[in-house]
């Protein structure tokens, strides 16, 4: 855990510690956290101080309290305004269709200055790069070009992405803290067009998304979708 500043309030130290236990995976969704009396003894503070930390984490939907039972790690909600953070495989299967993927690239690369700036790391930092084409009923509907921070998910290259998507793996191992995204229409580069089996003159819907986890930039992904075969949809 990061050391606290000398003037950090006691409740904030407790709050930060509890959050770190959740983000590290020690406590998972549905796990009960220690009782307030136990935490008060552990940190050498009053129960009132612990209660404030727990109340704030509850209001932020990190924890959930069940009357007469205890306090538990809440189910995390992976959604950013209009675009849900969900697996393309899950999306396809929800329509009753068949999903498969083709892995075109999976390797470690040294961050360029541009990527280092995007990930807020030093040039030369190791990033993982994967390129995967996703098919719906044997029709290509997405090229997923993803960069991953090796500090967040050091075992990324060892995963079998024929049985799970990168999204499914990352949601499990890198608790989501925030998302930035943009959507635009663009003509695909030749290589992207070939992977999607479309003309380079056919416009694509392009989703750029950056995620944060464990106080770091975790991933940066660009997803290309044939404009005639795909649409973004959602509801509030």
Protein backbone atom coordinates (compact mmCIF):
# COMPACT_ATOMS: atom_id res chain seq x y z
CA UNK A 1 0.00 0.00 0.00
CA UNK A 2 1.16 3.53 -0.74
CA UNK A 3 2.37 5.29 2.41
CA UNK A 4 -0.02 7.93 3.72
CA UNK A 5 1.01 11.51 4.22
CA UNK A 6 1.58 12.43 7.88
CA UNK A 7 -1.41 14.78 7.86
CA UNK A 8 -3.82 12.32 6.20
CA UNK A 9 -6.98 11.97 8.34
CA UNK A 10 -7.36 8.58 10.00
CA UNK A 11 -10.65 7.83 8.24
CA UNK A 12 -8.99 8.46 4.86
CA UNK A 13 -6.14 6.07 5.72
CA UNK A 14 -8.72 3.39 6.53
CA UNK A 15 -10.72 4.17 3.40
CA UNK A 16 -7.62 3.97 1.19
CA UNK A 17 -6.57 0.67 2.80
CA UNK A 18 -9.98 -0.93 2.29
CA UNK A 19 -10.06 0.24 -1.32
CA UNK A 20 -6.60 -1.18 -1.95
CA UNK A 21 -7.63 -4.57 -0.56
CA UNK A 22 -10.51 -4.62 -3.04
CA UNK A 23 -8.47 -3.41 -6.02
CA UNK A 24 -5.72 -5.94 -5.30
CA UNK A 25 -8.26 -8.75 -5.48
CA UNK A 26 -7.83 -9.82 -1.83
CA UNK A 27 -11.50 -9.01 -1.29
CA UNK A 28 -13.80 -9.85 -4.19
CA UNK A 29 -17.40 -8.98 -5.01
CA UNK A 30 -19.67 -10.38 -2.32
CA UNK A 31 -16.90 -10.85 0.27
CA UNK A 32 -17.60 -9.56 3.77
CA UNK A 33 -15.14 -7.01 5.12
CA UNK A 34 -14.04 -7.11 8.79
CA UNK A 35 -16.46 -5.71 11.37
CA UNK A 36 -16.08 -2.06 12.36
CA UNK A 37 -14.93 -3.07 15.85
CA UNK A 38 -12.22 -5.26 14.32
CA UNK A 39 -11.07 -2.46 12.03
CA UNK A 40 -11.08 0.04 14.89
CA UNK A 41 -8.78 -2.25 16.88
CA UNK A 42 -6.56 -2.89 13.84
CA UNK A 43 -6.03 0.81 13.13
CA UNK A 44 -6.09 1.98 16.75
CA UNK A 45 -8.95 4.42 16.20
CA UNK A 46 -12.53 4.85 17.39
CA UNK A 47 -15.37 2.95 15.78
CA UNK A 48 -16.82 6.31 14.71
CA UNK A 49 -13.71 6.92 12.57
CA UNK A 50 -14.05 3.52 10.92
CA UNK A 51 -17.76 4.11 10.40
CA UNK A 52 -17.05 7.29 8.40
CA UNK A 53 -14.68 5.43 6.06
CA UNK A 54 -17.19 2.63 5.55
CA UNK A 55 -20.08 5.06 5.01
CA UNK A 56 -18.17 6.95 2.33
CA UNK A 57 -17.22 3.75 0.49
CA UNK A 58 -20.85 2.67 0.70
CA UNK A 59 -22.09 5.96 -0.76
CA UNK A 60 -19.55 5.51 -3.58
CA UNK A 61 -21.03 2.02 -4.22
CA UNK A 62 -17.73 0.28 -3.45
CA UNK A 63 -19.27 -1.40 -0.41
CA UNK A 64 -22.83 -2.41 0.40
CA UNK A 65 -24.32 -2.78 3.87
CA UNK A 66 -26.95 -5.39 4.70
CA UNK A 67 -28.90 -4.71 7.87
CA UNK A 68 -28.25 -7.37 10.48
CA UNK A 69 -25.68 -9.15 8.33
CA UNK A 70 -22.63 -6.97 7.69
CA UNK A 71 -20.78 -4.98 5.06
CA UNK A 72 -19.76 -6.52 1.76
CA UNK A 73 -17.83 -5.65 -1.39
CA UNK A 74 -20.46 -4.37 -3.81
CA UNK A 75 -21.01 -5.68 -7.31
CA UNK A 76 -18.94 -3.43 -9.54
CA UNK A 77 -20.69 -1.63 -12.39
CA UNK A 78 -18.62 -1.52 -15.56
CA UNK A 79 -20.38 1.12 -17.61
CA UNK A 80 -19.39 4.48 -19.00
CA UNK A 81 -22.34 6.73 -19.86
CA UNK A 82 -23.32 5.45 -23.31
CA UNK A 83 -20.91 2.58 -23.89
CA UNK A 84 -21.08 -0.44 -21.61
CA UNK A 85 -17.77 -2.12 -20.80
CA UNK A 86 -18.74 -5.62 -21.86
CA UNK A 87 -17.34 -8.43 -23.91
CA UNK A 88 -18.05 -8.51 -27.64
CA UNK A 89 -18.54 -12.26 -27.22
CA UNK A 90 -21.22 -11.65 -24.57
CA UNK A 91 -22.91 -9.11 -26.84
CA UNK A 92 -23.01 -11.56 -29.77
CA UNK A 93 -24.23 -14.48 -27.67
CA UNK A 94 -26.98 -12.32 -26.18
CA UNK A 95 -28.39 -12.12 -29.70
CA UNK A 96 -28.37 -15.91 -29.97
CA UNK A 97 -25.51 -15.85 -32.46
CA UNK A 98 -22.16 -17.64 -32.59
CA UNK A 99 -18.93 -15.86 -31.71
CA UNK A 100 -15.40 -16.77 -32.66
CA UNK A 101 -12.16 -14.82 -32.84
CA UNK A 102 -8.89 -14.80 -34.75
CA UNK A 103 -5.71 -13.73 -32.96
CA UNK A 104 -3.48 -11.73 -35.32
CA UNK A 105 -0.95 -10.40 -32.81
CA UNK A 106 0.01 -10.91 -29.16
CA UNK A 107 3.39 -9.63 -28.04
CA UNK A 108 5.35 -7.31 -25.77
CA UNK A 109 6.58 -4.02 -27.20
CA UNK A 110 8.57 -1.07 -25.91
CA UNK A 111 6.41 2.03 -25.50
CA UNK A 112 7.02 4.76 -28.03
CA UNK A 113 7.06 8.36 -26.81
CA UNK A 114 3.44 8.73 -27.93
CA UNK A 115 2.27 5.60 -26.13
CA UNK A 116 4.35 6.44 -23.07
CA UNK A 117 2.60 9.80 -22.88
CA UNK A 118 -0.82 8.18 -23.27
CA UNK A 119 -0.11 5.62 -20.52
CA UNK A 120 1.71 8.20 -18.36
CA UNK A 121 4.80 6.00 -18.13
CA UNK A 122 8.43 6.48 -19.10
CA UNK A 123 9.51 5.83 -22.68
CA UNK A 124 10.83 2.29 -22.88
CA UNK A 125 8.15 0.91 -20.53
CA UNK A 126 6.88 -2.52 -21.61
CA UNK A 127 3.38 -2.65 -23.08
CA UNK A 128 1.49 -5.65 -24.38
CA UNK A 129 -0.13 -5.43 -27.81
CA UNK A 130 -2.92 -7.63 -29.09
CA UNK A 131 -4.90 -7.52 -32.33
CA UNK A 132 -7.98 -9.72 -32.54
CA UNK A 133 -10.77 -10.02 -35.11
CA UNK A 134 -14.20 -10.94 -33.77
CA UNK A 135 -16.78 -12.74 -35.91
CA UNK A 136 -20.56 -13.00 -35.56
CA UNK A 137 -21.93 -16.03 -37.40
CA UNK A 138 -18.67 -16.09 -39.41
CA UNK A 139 -18.97 -12.42 -40.42
CA UNK A 140 -16.19 -10.10 -39.19
CA UNK A 141 -17.70 -7.30 -37.11
CA UNK A 142 -14.80 -5.96 -35.04
CA UNK A 143 -11.04 -5.52 -35.12
CA UNK A 144 -9.82 -5.01 -31.55
CA UNK A 145 -6.42 -3.29 -31.47
CA UNK A 146 -5.44 -3.17 -27.79
CA UNK A 147 -2.45 -1.91 -25.79
CA UNK A 148 -2.13 -3.07 -22.18
CA UNK A 149 0.03 -1.74 -19.35
CA UNK A 150 2.31 -4.60 -18.22
CA UNK A 151 2.39 -3.16 -14.69
CA UNK A 152 -1.37 -3.69 -14.35
CA UNK A 153 -1.65 -7.15 -15.93
CA UNK A 154 1.79 -8.81 -16.11
CA UNK A 155 0.35 -12.18 -17.23
CA UNK A 156 -1.58 -10.84 -20.23
CA UNK A 157 0.57 -12.65 -22.80
CA UNK A 158 -0.03 -16.02 -21.14
CA UNK A 159 -3.80 -15.93 -21.68
CA UNK A 160 -5.67 -18.03 -24.24
CA UNK A 161 -7.83 -15.51 -26.06
CA UNK A 162 -9.50 -18.23 -28.09
CA UNK A 163 -11.51 -19.18 -25.00
CA UNK A 164 -12.00 -15.72 -23.48
CA UNK A 165 -11.85 -12.17 -24.77
CA UNK A 166 -9.28 -9.66 -23.47
CA UNK A 167 -12.19 -7.71 -22.01
CA UNK A 168 -13.38 -10.71 -19.97
CA UNK A 169 -9.86 -11.29 -18.65
CA UNK A 170 -9.16 -7.64 -17.82
CA UNK A 171 -12.45 -7.10 -15.99
CA UNK A 172 -11.56 -10.07 -13.78
CA UNK A 173 -7.98 -9.03 -12.91
CA UNK A 174 -7.94 -5.22 -13.16
CA UNK A 175 -10.75 -3.56 -11.15
CA UNK A 176 -12.08 -0.66 -13.18
CA UNK A 177 -11.62 2.86 -11.81
CA UNK A 178 -12.58 4.96 -14.80
CA UNK A 179 -13.11 5.12 -18.55
CA UNK A 180 -12.60 7.70 -21.29
CA UNK A 181 -13.90 7.04 -24.78
CA UNK A 182 -14.79 8.60 -28.11
CA UNK A 183 -16.65 7.36 -31.18
CA UNK A 184 -16.06 8.51 -34.73
CA UNK A 185 -16.63 7.49 -38.34
CA UNK A 186 -13.44 6.86 -40.29
CA UNK A 187 -12.10 5.03 -43.32
CA UNK A 188 -10.09 1.97 -42.31
CA UNK A 189 -6.38 1.52 -43.04
CA UNK A 190 -5.69 -1.18 -45.62
CA UNK A 191 -4.76 -3.80 -43.00
CA UNK A 192 -7.93 -3.18 -40.98
CA UNK A 193 -10.10 -3.35 -44.11
CA UNK A 194 -8.52 -6.69 -45.06
CA UNK A 195 -9.19 -8.15 -41.61
CA UNK A 196 -12.82 -7.00 -41.77
CA UNK A 197 -13.16 -8.20 -45.39
CA UNK A 198 -14.42 -4.83 -46.58
CA UNK A 199 -13.32 -2.16 -49.01
CA UNK A 200 -10.94 0.50 -47.73
CA UNK A 201 -13.56 2.97 -48.99
CA UNK A 202 -16.23 1.65 -46.63
CA UNK A 203 -16.63 3.81 -43.52
CA UNK A 204 -16.19 2.23 -40.10
CA UNK A 205 -17.50 3.11 -36.67
CA UNK A 206 -14.42 3.47 -34.49
CA UNK A 207 -14.47 3.33 -30.69
CA UNK A 208 -11.37 4.61 -28.88
CA UNK A 209 -11.37 3.70 -25.18
CA UNK A 210 -8.90 4.16 -22.33
CA UNK A 211 -9.41 2.49 -18.96
CA UNK A 212 -7.84 3.11 -15.55
CA UNK A 213 -7.14 0.57 -12.82
CA UNK A 214 -5.02 0.59 -9.64
CA UNK A 215 -4.32 4.31 -10.16
CA UNK A 216 -2.71 3.66 -13.55
CA UNK A 217 -3.72 3.78 -17.20
CA UNK A 218 -4.52 0.10 -17.78
CA UNK A 219 -5.52 -0.19 -21.43
CA UNK A 220 -5.92 1.77 -24.62
CA UNK A 221 -7.99 0.07 -27.29
CA UNK A 222 -9.25 1.02 -30.73
CA UNK A 223 -12.15 -1.05 -32.05
CA UNK A 224 -13.05 -0.91 -35.74
CA UNK A 225 -16.55 -1.94 -36.86
CA UNK A 226 -17.91 -2.03 -40.44
CA UNK A 227 -20.47 0.79 -40.61
CA UNK A 228 -22.96 -1.33 -42.55
CA UNK A 229 -22.81 -4.25 -40.12
CA UNK A 230 -22.68 -2.64 -36.69
CA UNK A 231 -24.37 -0.04 -34.51
CA UNK A 232 -23.88 1.23 -30.98
CA UNK A 233 -26.98 1.07 -28.85
CA UNK A 234 -27.86 1.46 -25.20
CA UNK A 235 -30.44 2.69 -22.74
CA UNK A 236 -30.60 4.55 -19.45
